[in-house]
Amino acid sequence: MSDLLIQLPPKPDLTVLKLAAFIQRRYRLDPSAVSEAIEPLVVIKMNDGHLLSLSLREQTLIIEPAGRHSPDLHVQLSPFSDAPPQFLWPWRTGLSSRGQRLKRCFTSQLIPWPTAARTFLDQATSFNAQSFQLTCTDPRDGQTLIWGYGPSALSIEGEKDRLALFFNGYTQLFREMVTGQLNCQGSMENIANLADEGLKQWIAWPC
């Protein structure tokens, strides 16, 4: 499946870039949810009160100022946080059939990290199961995922919430390592390949 192209408004700020990245991620996971929700137009009220309209033209998502429209939903999205966006629903939207389609698309629920990690690794193009053996562990509860059977070893340790953010595409590996959120041990080449794959799969979530 082709990626969803995105046409941004002039001089988009970080919250707009994050919204675009979120929708791109949702499209890769559930394209029908996105296409059915953004039909023919969705108006979103941003943190600062300004309105954006979202529309689809073939394989392109068009984001532009909405003018005078009633918002279909509100988004709480911090430009300085790697947390997923939070969506709020006006009563007129939440109870309608259209509201159900919007809720299916605009959901910020994270996929549990072992499932997200398996999907991420299995669809990787920067490496394959023969490249290295990756062990991911949450040291608090001992939950572990082992993937691959290559000759070198790579390990990631971190709390489940941080692993979930990384494998769901809401943060970047090197940032997590520098801030001490994830402990990653292995060759620099393997770590770099893992980090690069994150950028390829996720339209890097702006940090």
N, C-alpha and C. Protein backbone atom coordinates (compact mmCIF):
# COMPACT_ATOMS: atom_id res chain seq x y z
N MET A 1 0.84 -1.19 0.00
CA MET A 1 0.00 0.00 0.00
C MET A 1 0.87 1.25 0.00
N SER A 2 0.47 2.26 -0.80
CA SER A 2 1.22 3.50 -0.85
C SER A 2 1.00 4.31 0.41
N ASP A 3 2.02 5.08 0.77
CA ASP A 3 1.87 5.95 1.92
C ASP A 3 0.90 7.07 1.60
N LEU A 4 0.35 7.64 2.64
CA LEU A 4 -0.51 8.80 2.51
C LEU A 4 0.39 10.04 2.39
N LEU A 5 0.26 10.76 1.30
CA LEU A 5 0.99 12.01 1.14
C LEU A 5 0.29 13.09 1.94
N ILE A 6 1.07 14.08 2.39
CA ILE A 6 0.50 15.11 3.24
C ILE A 6 0.85 16.49 2.69
N GLN A 7 -0.16 17.32 2.50
CA GLN A 7 0.02 18.71 2.09
C GLN A 7 -0.24 19.59 3.30
N LEU A 8 0.80 20.26 3.79
CA LEU A 8 0.71 21.06 5.01
C LEU A 8 0.38 22.52 4.69
N PRO A 9 -0.17 23.23 5.66
CA PRO A 9 -0.39 24.67 5.48
C PRO A 9 0.95 25.40 5.51
N PRO A 10 1.01 26.64 5.06
CA PRO A 10 2.26 27.41 5.11
C PRO A 10 2.76 27.55 6.55
N LYS A 11 4.05 27.38 6.74
CA LYS A 11 4.71 27.56 8.03
C LYS A 11 4.00 26.80 9.16
N PRO A 12 3.86 25.50 9.04
CA PRO A 12 3.18 24.74 10.11
C PRO A 12 4.02 24.73 11.38
N ASP A 13 3.35 24.82 12.53
CA ASP A 13 4.08 24.72 13.79
C ASP A 13 4.20 23.25 14.18
N LEU A 14 4.83 23.02 15.33
CA LEU A 14 5.13 21.65 15.73
C LEU A 14 3.87 20.84 16.02
N THR A 15 2.84 21.47 16.53
CA THR A 15 1.61 20.72 16.81
C THR A 15 0.96 20.24 15.51
N VAL A 16 1.03 21.05 14.46
CA VAL A 16 0.48 20.62 13.16
C VAL A 16 1.29 19.47 12.60
N LEU A 17 2.62 19.54 12.72
CA LEU A 17 3.47 18.45 12.25
C LEU A 17 3.17 17.16 13.01
N LYS A 18 2.93 17.27 14.30
CA LYS A 18 2.62 16.08 15.09
C LYS A 18 1.25 15.51 14.72
N LEU A 19 0.29 16.38 14.46
CA LEU A 19 -1.01 15.90 14.01
C LEU A 19 -0.89 15.16 12.68
N ALA A 20 -0.10 15.72 11.76
CA ALA A 20 0.11 15.07 10.46
C ALA A 20 0.78 13.71 10.64
N ALA A 21 1.77 13.65 11.51
CA ALA A 21 2.46 12.38 11.76
C ALA A 21 1.52 11.36 12.38
N PHE A 22 0.65 11.81 13.26
CA PHE A 22 -0.33 10.90 13.87
C PHE A 22 -1.25 10.30 12.82
N ILE A 23 -1.77 11.13 11.93
CA ILE A 23 -2.70 10.63 10.92
C ILE A 23 -1.98 9.70 9.94
N GLN A 24 -0.75 10.02 9.60
CA GLN A 24 0.02 9.13 8.74
C GLN A 24 0.18 7.76 9.39
N ARG A 25 0.47 7.76 10.69
CA ARG A 25 0.62 6.49 11.42
C ARG A 25 -0.69 5.71 11.43
N ARG A 26 -1.81 6.41 11.67
CA ARG A 26 -3.10 5.74 11.68
C ARG A 26 -3.43 5.17 10.31
N TYR A 27 -3.05 5.88 9.26
CA TYR A 27 -3.32 5.39 7.91
C TYR A 27 -2.56 4.11 7.63
N ARG A 28 -1.33 4.02 8.11
CA ARG A 28 -0.56 2.80 7.89
C ARG A 28 -1.16 1.63 8.66
N LEU A 29 -1.73 1.91 9.82
CA LEU A 29 -2.31 0.84 10.63
C LEU A 29 -3.72 0.47 10.18
N ASP A 30 -4.50 1.47 9.78
CA ASP A 30 -5.92 1.24 9.46
C ASP A 30 -6.37 2.25 8.41
N PRO A 31 -6.01 2.04 7.13
CA PRO A 31 -6.33 3.04 6.11
C PRO A 31 -7.82 3.29 5.93
N SER A 32 -8.64 2.27 6.09
CA SER A 32 -10.08 2.48 5.92
C SER A 32 -10.65 3.37 7.01
N ALA A 33 -10.09 3.27 8.23
CA ALA A 33 -10.57 4.14 9.31
C ALA A 33 -10.32 5.60 8.98
N VAL A 34 -9.17 5.89 8.39
CA VAL A 34 -8.84 7.28 8.03
C VAL A 34 -9.71 7.76 6.88
N SER A 35 -9.82 6.97 5.83
CA SER A 35 -10.57 7.40 4.65
C SER A 35 -12.06 7.56 4.96
N GLU A 36 -12.61 6.70 5.82
CA GLU A 36 -14.03 6.80 6.16
C GLU A 36 -14.31 7.98 7.09
N ALA A 37 -13.33 8.33 7.93
CA ALA A 37 -13.54 9.43 8.87
C ALA A 37 -13.39 10.79 8.19
N ILE A 38 -12.39 10.91 7.34
CA ILE A 38 -12.11 12.21 6.71
C ILE A 38 -12.87 12.27 5.38
N GLU A 39 -14.17 12.27 5.46
CA GLU A 39 -15.02 12.24 4.27
C GLU A 39 -16.29 13.02 4.55
N PRO A 40 -16.53 14.15 3.92
CA PRO A 40 -15.61 14.76 2.97
C PRO A 40 -14.59 15.70 3.64
N LEU A 41 -14.85 16.07 4.91
CA LEU A 41 -14.03 17.08 5.56
C LEU A 41 -14.13 16.90 7.07
N VAL A 42 -13.01 17.09 7.76
CA VAL A 42 -13.00 17.09 9.22
C VAL A 42 -12.38 18.40 9.70
N VAL A 43 -13.02 19.02 10.67
CA VAL A 43 -12.50 20.27 11.24
C VAL A 43 -12.04 19.99 12.66
N ILE A 44 -10.80 20.33 12.93
CA ILE A 44 -10.19 20.06 14.25
C ILE A 44 -9.82 21.39 14.90
N LYS A 45 -10.19 21.52 16.16
CA LYS A 45 -9.80 22.69 16.94
C LYS A 45 -8.53 22.36 17.70
N MET A 46 -7.47 23.14 17.47
CA MET A 46 -6.17 22.89 18.06
C MET A 46 -6.08 23.50 19.46
N ASN A 47 -4.94 23.21 20.14
CA ASN A 47 -4.74 23.71 21.50
C ASN A 47 -4.95 25.21 21.62
N ASP A 48 -4.42 25.96 20.65
CA ASP A 48 -4.46 27.42 20.75
C ASP A 48 -5.76 28.01 20.22
N GLY A 49 -6.71 27.16 19.85
CA GLY A 49 -8.01 27.65 19.42
C GLY A 49 -8.20 27.78 17.93
N HIS A 50 -7.11 27.72 17.15
CA HIS A 50 -7.32 27.87 15.70
C HIS A 50 -7.82 26.56 15.10
N LEU A 51 -8.52 26.68 13.98
CA LEU A 51 -9.18 25.54 13.35
C LEU A 51 -8.42 25.10 12.11
N LEU A 52 -8.32 23.78 11.95
CA LEU A 52 -7.74 23.19 10.76
C LEU A 52 -8.76 22.28 10.10
N SER A 53 -8.79 22.31 8.79
CA SER A 53 -9.63 21.35 8.05
C SER A 53 -8.74 20.27 7.46
N LEU A 54 -9.24 19.05 7.49
CA LEU A 54 -8.55 17.89 6.93
C LEU A 54 -9.44 17.31 5.84
N SER A 55 -8.86 17.09 4.68
CA SER A 55 -9.60 16.47 3.59
C SER A 55 -8.66 15.56 2.82
N LEU A 56 -9.25 14.62 2.09
CA LEU A 56 -8.48 13.66 1.30
C LEU A 56 -8.74 13.89 -0.17
N ARG A 57 -7.66 13.90 -0.93
CA ARG A 57 -7.75 13.96 -2.38
C ARG A 57 -6.87 12.86 -2.93
N GLU A 58 -7.52 11.76 -3.34
CA GLU A 58 -6.80 10.56 -3.76
C GLU A 58 -5.92 10.09 -2.60
N GLN A 59 -4.59 10.08 -2.78
CA GLN A 59 -3.69 9.60 -1.73
C GLN A 59 -3.05 10.74 -0.95
N THR A 60 -3.66 11.93 -0.98
CA THR A 60 -3.09 13.10 -0.32
C THR A 60 -4.02 13.62 0.76
N LEU A 61 -3.47 13.79 1.95
CA LEU A 61 -4.18 14.45 3.04
C LEU A 61 -3.86 15.93 2.98
N ILE A 62 -4.87 16.75 2.88
CA ILE A 62 -4.68 18.20 2.79
C ILE A 62 -5.07 18.82 4.12
N ILE A 63 -4.12 19.51 4.73
CA ILE A 63 -4.35 20.21 6.00
C ILE A 63 -4.25 21.70 5.73
N GLU A 64 -5.30 22.44 6.07
CA GLU A 64 -5.31 23.87 5.79
C GLU A 64 -6.19 24.59 6.81
N PRO A 65 -6.03 25.91 6.94
CA PRO A 65 -6.90 26.65 7.86
C PRO A 65 -8.36 26.44 7.50
N ALA A 66 -9.20 26.35 8.54
CA ALA A 66 -10.59 25.95 8.31
C ALA A 66 -11.53 27.13 8.12
N GLY A 67 -11.13 28.32 8.51
CA GLY A 67 -12.07 29.43 8.43
C GLY A 67 -13.15 29.29 9.48
N ARG A 68 -14.36 29.68 9.13
CA ARG A 68 -15.47 29.65 10.08
C ARG A 68 -16.25 28.35 9.94
N HIS A 69 -15.87 27.38 10.74
CA HIS A 69 -16.56 26.10 10.77
C HIS A 69 -16.72 25.68 12.24
N SER A 70 -17.71 24.88 12.51
CA SER A 70 -17.83 24.28 13.83
C SER A 70 -16.91 23.07 13.89
N PRO A 71 -16.11 22.94 14.94
CA PRO A 71 -15.17 21.80 15.00
C PRO A 71 -15.88 20.48 15.22
N ASP A 72 -15.38 19.45 14.53
CA ASP A 72 -15.87 18.09 14.74
C ASP A 72 -15.24 17.45 15.96
N LEU A 73 -14.03 17.88 16.30
CA LEU A 73 -13.35 17.39 17.49
C LEU A 73 -12.27 18.36 17.90
N HIS A 74 -11.84 18.23 19.15
CA HIS A 74 -10.77 19.04 19.70
C HIS A 74 -9.57 18.13 19.96
N VAL A 75 -8.37 18.68 19.83
CA VAL A 75 -7.18 17.89 20.12
C VAL A 75 -6.33 18.62 21.15
N GLN A 76 -5.84 17.88 22.12
CA GLN A 76 -4.86 18.37 23.08
C GLN A 76 -3.53 17.73 22.71
N LEU A 77 -2.59 18.56 22.27
CA LEU A 77 -1.35 18.04 21.72
C LEU A 77 -0.22 18.98 22.11
N SER A 78 0.67 18.51 22.98
CA SER A 78 1.77 19.35 23.45
C SER A 78 2.92 19.32 22.45
N PRO A 79 3.45 20.49 22.08
CA PRO A 79 4.59 20.51 21.16
C PRO A 79 5.88 20.01 21.81
N PHE A 80 5.90 19.93 23.13
CA PHE A 80 7.14 19.58 23.83
C PHE A 80 7.06 18.25 24.56
N SER A 81 6.09 17.43 24.20
CA SER A 81 5.92 16.13 24.84
C SER A 81 5.87 15.05 23.77
N ASP A 82 6.32 13.84 24.14
CA ASP A 82 6.20 12.72 23.21
C ASP A 82 4.95 11.90 23.46
N ALA A 83 4.05 12.40 24.29
CA ALA A 83 2.81 11.70 24.57
C ALA A 83 1.89 11.76 23.35
N PRO A 84 1.07 10.74 23.15
CA PRO A 84 0.11 10.78 22.04
C PRO A 84 -0.89 11.91 22.21
N PRO A 85 -1.50 12.37 21.12
CA PRO A 85 -2.53 13.40 21.25
C PRO A 85 -3.76 12.85 21.95
N GLN A 86 -4.47 13.74 22.59
CA GLN A 86 -5.73 13.39 23.24
C GLN A 86 -6.86 14.11 22.52
N PHE A 87 -7.93 13.37 22.19
CA PHE A 87 -9.03 13.94 21.43
C PHE A 87 -10.28 14.07 22.30
N LEU A 88 -10.96 15.18 22.14
CA LEU A 88 -12.19 15.47 22.87
C LEU A 88 -13.31 15.67 21.86
N TRP A 89 -14.54 15.26 22.26
CA TRP A 89 -15.64 15.22 21.30
C TRP A 89 -16.78 16.12 21.75
N PRO A 90 -17.17 17.10 20.92
CA PRO A 90 -18.40 17.85 21.21
C PRO A 90 -19.59 16.89 21.26
N TRP A 91 -20.58 17.21 22.05
CA TRP A 91 -21.69 16.27 22.23
C TRP A 91 -22.39 15.95 20.92
N ARG A 92 -22.45 16.93 20.00
CA ARG A 92 -23.15 16.68 18.74
C ARG A 92 -22.41 15.67 17.88
N THR A 93 -21.10 15.57 18.08
CA THR A 93 -20.29 14.62 17.31
C THR A 93 -20.29 13.25 17.96
N GLY A 94 -20.11 13.23 19.28
CA GLY A 94 -19.88 11.97 19.97
C GLY A 94 -21.00 10.97 19.86
N LEU A 95 -22.25 11.44 19.70
CA LEU A 95 -23.39 10.52 19.69
C LEU A 95 -23.82 10.11 18.29
N SER A 96 -23.21 10.65 17.26
CA SER A 96 -23.66 10.38 15.90
C SER A 96 -22.89 9.22 15.28
N SER A 97 -23.41 8.69 14.16
CA SER A 97 -22.69 7.64 13.43
C SER A 97 -21.38 8.19 12.88
N ARG A 98 -21.40 9.45 12.47
CA ARG A 98 -20.15 10.08 12.03
C ARG A 98 -19.15 10.14 13.17
N GLY A 99 -19.66 10.41 14.37
CA GLY A 99 -18.78 10.45 15.53
C GLY A 99 -18.10 9.12 15.77
N GLN A 100 -18.81 8.03 15.53
CA GLN A 100 -18.20 6.71 15.70
C GLN A 100 -17.08 6.49 14.70
N ARG A 101 -17.27 6.97 13.47
CA ARG A 101 -16.21 6.85 12.47
C ARG A 101 -15.01 7.70 12.85
N LEU A 102 -15.27 8.88 13.38
CA LEU A 102 -14.17 9.75 13.81
C LEU A 102 -13.40 9.13 14.97
N LYS A 103 -14.14 8.53 15.91
CA LYS A 103 -13.47 7.93 17.06
C LYS A 103 -12.61 6.73 16.66
N ARG A 104 -13.05 6.00 15.63
CA ARG A 104 -12.24 4.88 15.15
C ARG A 104 -10.92 5.37 14.57
N CYS A 105 -10.96 6.52 13.91
CA CYS A 105 -9.74 7.07 13.30
C CYS A 105 -8.87 7.77 14.33
N PHE A 106 -9.47 8.67 15.08
CA PHE A 106 -8.72 9.52 16.00
C PHE A 106 -8.68 8.90 17.39
N THR A 107 -7.97 7.80 17.48
CA THR A 107 -7.77 7.13 18.76
C THR A 107 -6.30 7.17 19.12
N SER A 108 -6.00 7.52 20.34
CA SER A 108 -4.60 7.61 20.76
C SER A 108 -4.19 6.44 21.64
N GLN A 109 -5.01 5.39 21.65
CA GLN A 109 -4.68 4.22 22.47
C GLN A 109 -3.43 3.54 21.91
N LEU A 110 -2.47 3.28 22.78
CA LEU A 110 -1.23 2.65 22.36
C LEU A 110 -1.41 1.14 22.24
N ILE A 111 -0.81 0.57 21.21
CA ILE A 111 -0.76 -0.89 21.09
C ILE A 111 0.23 -1.40 22.13
N PRO A 112 -0.09 -2.44 22.90
CA PRO A 112 0.87 -2.97 23.89
C PRO A 112 2.23 -3.21 23.25
N TRP A 113 3.29 -2.91 24.02
CA TRP A 113 4.61 -2.86 23.39
C TRP A 113 5.05 -4.19 22.75
N PRO A 114 4.76 -5.37 23.31
CA PRO A 114 5.23 -6.58 22.62
C PRO A 114 4.59 -6.75 21.23
N THR A 115 3.30 -6.42 21.12
CA THR A 115 2.62 -6.52 19.83
C THR A 115 3.16 -5.48 18.86
N ALA A 116 3.31 -4.24 19.35
CA ALA A 116 3.84 -3.17 18.50
C ALA A 116 5.27 -3.48 18.05
N ALA A 117 6.08 -4.05 18.97
CA ALA A 117 7.46 -4.38 18.63
C ALA A 117 7.52 -5.47 17.57
N ARG A 118 6.68 -6.49 17.71
CA ARG A 118 6.67 -7.58 16.73
C ARG A 118 6.29 -7.05 15.35
N THR A 119 5.27 -6.21 15.28
CA THR A 119 4.86 -5.64 14.00
C THR A 119 5.97 -4.79 13.41
N PHE A 120 6.57 -3.94 14.23
CA PHE A 120 7.65 -3.07 13.78
C PHE A 120 8.83 -3.87 13.23
N LEU A 121 9.24 -4.91 13.94
CA LEU A 121 10.40 -5.70 13.54
C LEU A 121 10.11 -6.54 12.30
N ASP A 122 8.92 -7.10 12.24
CA ASP A 122 8.59 -7.97 11.11
C ASP A 122 8.47 -7.21 9.80
N GLN A 123 8.14 -5.92 9.86
CA GLN A 123 8.01 -5.16 8.62
C GLN A 123 9.22 -4.28 8.35
N ALA A 124 10.29 -4.48 9.09
CA ALA A 124 11.51 -3.69 8.91
C ALA A 124 12.13 -3.93 7.53
N THR A 125 12.71 -2.89 6.97
CA THR A 125 13.44 -3.00 5.71
C THR A 125 14.93 -2.70 5.89
N SER A 126 15.31 -2.13 7.03
CA SER A 126 16.72 -1.82 7.29
C SER A 126 17.50 -3.05 7.74
N PHE A 127 16.80 -4.09 8.18
CA PHE A 127 17.41 -5.32 8.68
C PHE A 127 16.37 -6.42 8.61
N ASN A 128 16.79 -7.65 8.87
CA ASN A 128 15.85 -8.77 8.93
C ASN A 128 16.24 -9.68 10.08
N ALA A 129 15.52 -10.77 10.23
CA ALA A 129 15.73 -11.65 11.38
C ALA A 129 17.12 -12.29 11.39
N GLN A 130 17.79 -12.29 10.24
CA GLN A 130 19.14 -12.85 10.17
C GLN A 130 20.22 -11.83 10.55
N SER A 131 19.82 -10.56 10.73
CA SER A 131 20.81 -9.51 11.00
C SER A 131 21.37 -9.59 12.42
N PHE A 132 20.49 -9.79 13.39
CA PHE A 132 20.90 -9.86 14.80
C PHE A 132 19.75 -10.45 15.60
N GLN A 133 20.04 -10.78 16.84
CA GLN A 133 18.99 -11.19 17.77
C GLN A 133 18.72 -10.04 18.72
N LEU A 134 17.47 -9.61 18.76
CA LEU A 134 17.07 -8.49 19.60
C LEU A 134 16.27 -9.02 20.79
N THR A 135 16.67 -8.59 21.98
CA THR A 135 15.95 -8.91 23.20
C THR A 135 15.43 -7.62 23.82
N CYS A 136 14.12 -7.53 23.99
CA CYS A 136 13.50 -6.37 24.63
C CYS A 136 12.91 -6.82 25.96
N THR A 137 13.20 -6.06 27.01
CA THR A 137 12.76 -6.47 28.35
C THR A 137 12.28 -5.27 29.15
N ASP A 138 11.18 -5.47 29.85
CA ASP A 138 10.75 -4.54 30.90
C ASP A 138 11.27 -5.12 32.21
N PRO A 139 12.30 -4.52 32.82
CA PRO A 139 12.90 -5.12 34.02
C PRO A 139 11.96 -5.15 35.22
N ARG A 140 10.91 -4.35 35.21
CA ARG A 140 10.01 -4.32 36.36
C ARG A 140 9.15 -5.57 36.44
N ASP A 141 8.59 -5.98 35.30
CA ASP A 141 7.73 -7.16 35.35
C ASP A 141 8.36 -8.36 34.64
N GLY A 142 9.54 -8.18 34.07
CA GLY A 142 10.25 -9.28 33.45
C GLY A 142 9.73 -9.69 32.10
N GLN A 143 8.72 -8.98 31.56
CA GLN A 143 8.19 -9.34 30.25
C GLN A 143 9.27 -9.14 29.19
N THR A 144 9.46 -10.16 28.36
CA THR A 144 10.57 -10.15 27.41
C THR A 144 10.09 -10.61 26.03
N LEU A 145 10.62 -9.96 25.02
CA LEU A 145 10.40 -10.38 23.64
C LEU A 145 11.76 -10.65 23.01
N ILE A 146 11.91 -11.80 22.37
CA ILE A 146 13.14 -12.14 21.65
C ILE A 146 12.80 -12.29 20.18
N TRP A 147 13.52 -11.58 19.35
CA TRP A 147 13.24 -11.60 17.90
C TRP A 147 14.54 -11.78 17.14
N GLY A 148 14.52 -12.57 16.10
CA GLY A 148 15.68 -12.74 15.23
C GLY A 148 16.62 -13.82 15.73
N TYR A 149 17.56 -14.15 14.86
CA TYR A 149 18.52 -15.20 15.20
C TYR A 149 19.89 -14.91 14.57
N GLY A 150 20.19 -13.64 14.38
CA GLY A 150 21.46 -13.26 13.76
C GLY A 150 22.64 -13.52 14.67
N PRO A 151 23.84 -13.34 14.14
CA PRO A 151 25.05 -13.69 14.89
C PRO A 151 25.41 -12.72 16.00
N SER A 152 24.87 -11.50 15.98
CA SER A 152 25.18 -10.53 17.02
C SER A 152 23.94 -10.25 17.85
N ALA A 153 24.17 -9.73 19.06
CA ALA A 153 23.07 -9.51 20.00
C ALA A 153 22.83 -8.02 20.20
N LEU A 154 21.56 -7.68 20.35
CA LEU A 154 21.15 -6.31 20.63
C LEU A 154 20.07 -6.39 21.69
N SER A 155 20.18 -5.56 22.72
CA SER A 155 19.18 -5.61 23.79
C SER A 155 18.67 -4.21 24.11
N ILE A 156 17.39 -4.16 24.46
CA ILE A 156 16.76 -2.92 24.90
C ILE A 156 16.05 -3.22 26.21
N GLU A 157 16.30 -2.39 27.20
CA GLU A 157 15.60 -2.49 28.48
C GLU A 157 14.93 -1.16 28.78
N GLY A 158 13.70 -1.24 29.28
CA GLY A 158 13.01 -0.03 29.67
C GLY A 158 11.63 -0.36 30.21
N GLU A 159 11.04 0.60 30.89
CA GLU A 159 9.69 0.39 31.41
C GLU A 159 8.70 0.27 30.26
N LYS A 160 7.63 -0.46 30.51
CA LYS A 160 6.69 -0.79 29.44
C LYS A 160 6.11 0.45 28.78
N ASP A 161 5.91 1.53 29.54
CA ASP A 161 5.35 2.74 28.95
C ASP A 161 6.31 3.34 27.93
N ARG A 162 7.62 3.31 28.23
CA ARG A 162 8.61 3.86 27.29
C ARG A 162 8.77 2.95 26.09
N LEU A 163 8.75 1.64 26.30
CA LEU A 163 8.82 0.71 25.18
C LEU A 163 7.60 0.89 24.27
N ALA A 164 6.44 1.10 24.87
CA ALA A 164 5.23 1.30 24.08
C ALA A 164 5.32 2.58 23.26
N LEU A 165 5.82 3.66 23.85
CA LEU A 165 5.96 4.91 23.11
C LEU A 165 6.91 4.73 21.93
N PHE A 166 8.03 4.03 22.15
CA PHE A 166 8.99 3.84 21.06
C PHE A 166 8.41 2.98 19.95
N PHE A 167 7.88 1.82 20.29
CA PHE A 167 7.43 0.91 19.25
C PHE A 167 6.11 1.34 18.61
N ASN A 168 5.39 2.28 19.24
CA ASN A 168 4.23 2.87 18.59
C ASN A 168 4.60 4.11 17.78
N GLY A 169 5.87 4.48 17.82
CA GLY A 169 6.33 5.57 16.97
C GLY A 169 6.23 6.96 17.54
N TYR A 170 6.13 7.11 18.87
CA TYR A 170 5.99 8.43 19.46
C TYR A 170 7.28 9.00 20.01
N THR A 171 8.37 8.30 19.86
CA THR A 171 9.65 8.84 20.26
C THR A 171 10.72 8.17 19.42
N GLN A 172 11.94 8.68 19.52
CA GLN A 172 13.04 8.20 18.69
C GLN A 172 14.09 7.53 19.56
N LEU A 173 14.72 6.50 19.01
CA LEU A 173 15.59 5.66 19.82
C LEU A 173 16.74 6.43 20.43
N PHE A 174 17.46 7.23 19.66
CA PHE A 174 18.62 7.93 20.21
C PHE A 174 18.20 8.91 21.30
N ARG A 175 17.05 9.53 21.14
CA ARG A 175 16.57 10.44 22.18
C ARG A 175 16.29 9.66 23.47
N GLU A 176 15.67 8.50 23.35
CA GLU A 176 15.38 7.68 24.51
C GLU A 176 16.66 7.22 25.20
N MET A 177 17.68 6.93 24.41
CA MET A 177 18.95 6.50 24.99
C MET A 177 19.65 7.66 25.71
N VAL A 178 19.67 8.83 25.07
CA VAL A 178 20.36 9.98 25.66
C VAL A 178 19.70 10.42 26.96
N THR A 179 18.36 10.35 27.01
CA THR A 179 17.64 10.77 28.22
C THR A 179 17.56 9.66 29.26
N GLY A 180 18.09 8.50 28.94
CA GLY A 180 18.11 7.40 29.91
C GLY A 180 16.80 6.66 30.05
N GLN A 181 15.88 6.86 29.13
CA GLN A 181 14.59 6.17 29.21
C GLN A 181 14.70 4.71 28.76
N LEU A 182 15.58 4.46 27.79
CA LEU A 182 15.82 3.11 27.31
C LEU A 182 17.31 2.82 27.35
N ASN A 183 17.65 1.64 27.83
CA ASN A 183 19.04 1.18 27.85
C ASN A 183 19.23 0.23 26.67
N CYS A 184 20.03 0.63 25.71
CA CYS A 184 20.22 -0.15 24.49
C CYS A 184 21.69 -0.56 24.40
N GLN A 185 21.94 -1.84 24.29
CA GLN A 185 23.30 -2.35 24.23
C GLN A 185 23.47 -3.24 23.00
N GLY A 186 24.55 -3.00 22.28
CA GLY A 186 24.84 -3.75 21.07
C GLY A 186 25.81 -2.96 20.23
N SER A 187 26.08 -3.44 19.03
CA SER A 187 27.01 -2.72 18.15
C SER A 187 26.36 -1.43 17.67
N MET A 188 27.20 -0.42 17.40
CA MET A 188 26.68 0.86 16.93
C MET A 188 25.95 0.69 15.61
N GLU A 189 26.41 -0.23 14.77
CA GLU A 189 25.75 -0.46 13.48
C GLU A 189 24.33 -0.97 13.68
N ASN A 190 24.16 -1.93 14.57
CA ASN A 190 22.81 -2.47 14.80
C ASN A 190 21.89 -1.45 15.44
N ILE A 191 22.43 -0.68 16.40
CA ILE A 191 21.62 0.36 17.03
C ILE A 191 21.20 1.40 16.00
N ALA A 192 22.14 1.79 15.13
CA ALA A 192 21.82 2.78 14.10
C ALA A 192 20.76 2.25 13.13
N ASN A 193 20.85 0.98 12.77
CA ASN A 193 19.85 0.39 11.89
C ASN A 193 18.47 0.39 12.53
N LEU A 194 18.43 0.10 13.83
CA LEU A 194 17.16 0.10 14.55
C LEU A 194 16.58 1.51 14.60
N ALA A 195 17.45 2.49 14.88
CA ALA A 195 16.99 3.88 14.92
C ALA A 195 16.52 4.35 13.56
N ASP A 196 17.25 4.01 12.51
CA ASP A 196 16.87 4.41 11.15
C ASP A 196 15.53 3.81 10.75
N GLU A 197 15.29 2.58 11.17
CA GLU A 197 14.03 1.93 10.83
C GLU A 197 12.87 2.67 11.47
N GLY A 198 13.07 3.16 12.69
CA GLY A 198 12.03 3.95 13.33
C GLY A 198 11.67 5.18 12.52
N LEU A 199 12.69 5.85 11.98
CA LEU A 199 12.42 7.04 11.18
C LEU A 199 11.72 6.68 9.88
N LYS A 200 12.06 5.56 9.29
CA LYS A 200 11.43 5.15 8.05
C LYS A 200 9.96 4.81 8.24
N GLN A 201 9.67 4.10 9.30
CA GLN A 201 8.30 3.60 9.49
C GLN A 201 7.34 4.67 10.00
N TRP A 202 7.84 5.68 10.66
CA TRP A 202 6.94 6.55 11.40
C TRP A 202 6.91 8.00 10.99
N ILE A 203 7.45 8.40 9.90
CA ILE A 203 7.54 9.85 9.67
C ILE A 203 7.98 10.47 10.97
N ALA A 204 9.17 10.32 11.32
CA ALA A 204 9.66 10.63 12.64
C ALA A 204 8.77 11.59 13.42
N TRP A 205 8.25 11.11 14.53
CA TRP A 205 7.46 11.95 15.43
C TRP A 205 8.32 13.12 15.86
N PRO A 206 7.93 14.36 15.53
CA PRO A 206 8.80 15.50 15.82
C PRO A 206 9.14 15.61 17.30
N CYS A 207 10.39 15.83 17.61
CA CYS A 207 10.82 15.94 19.01
C CYS A 207 11.22 17.37 19.32
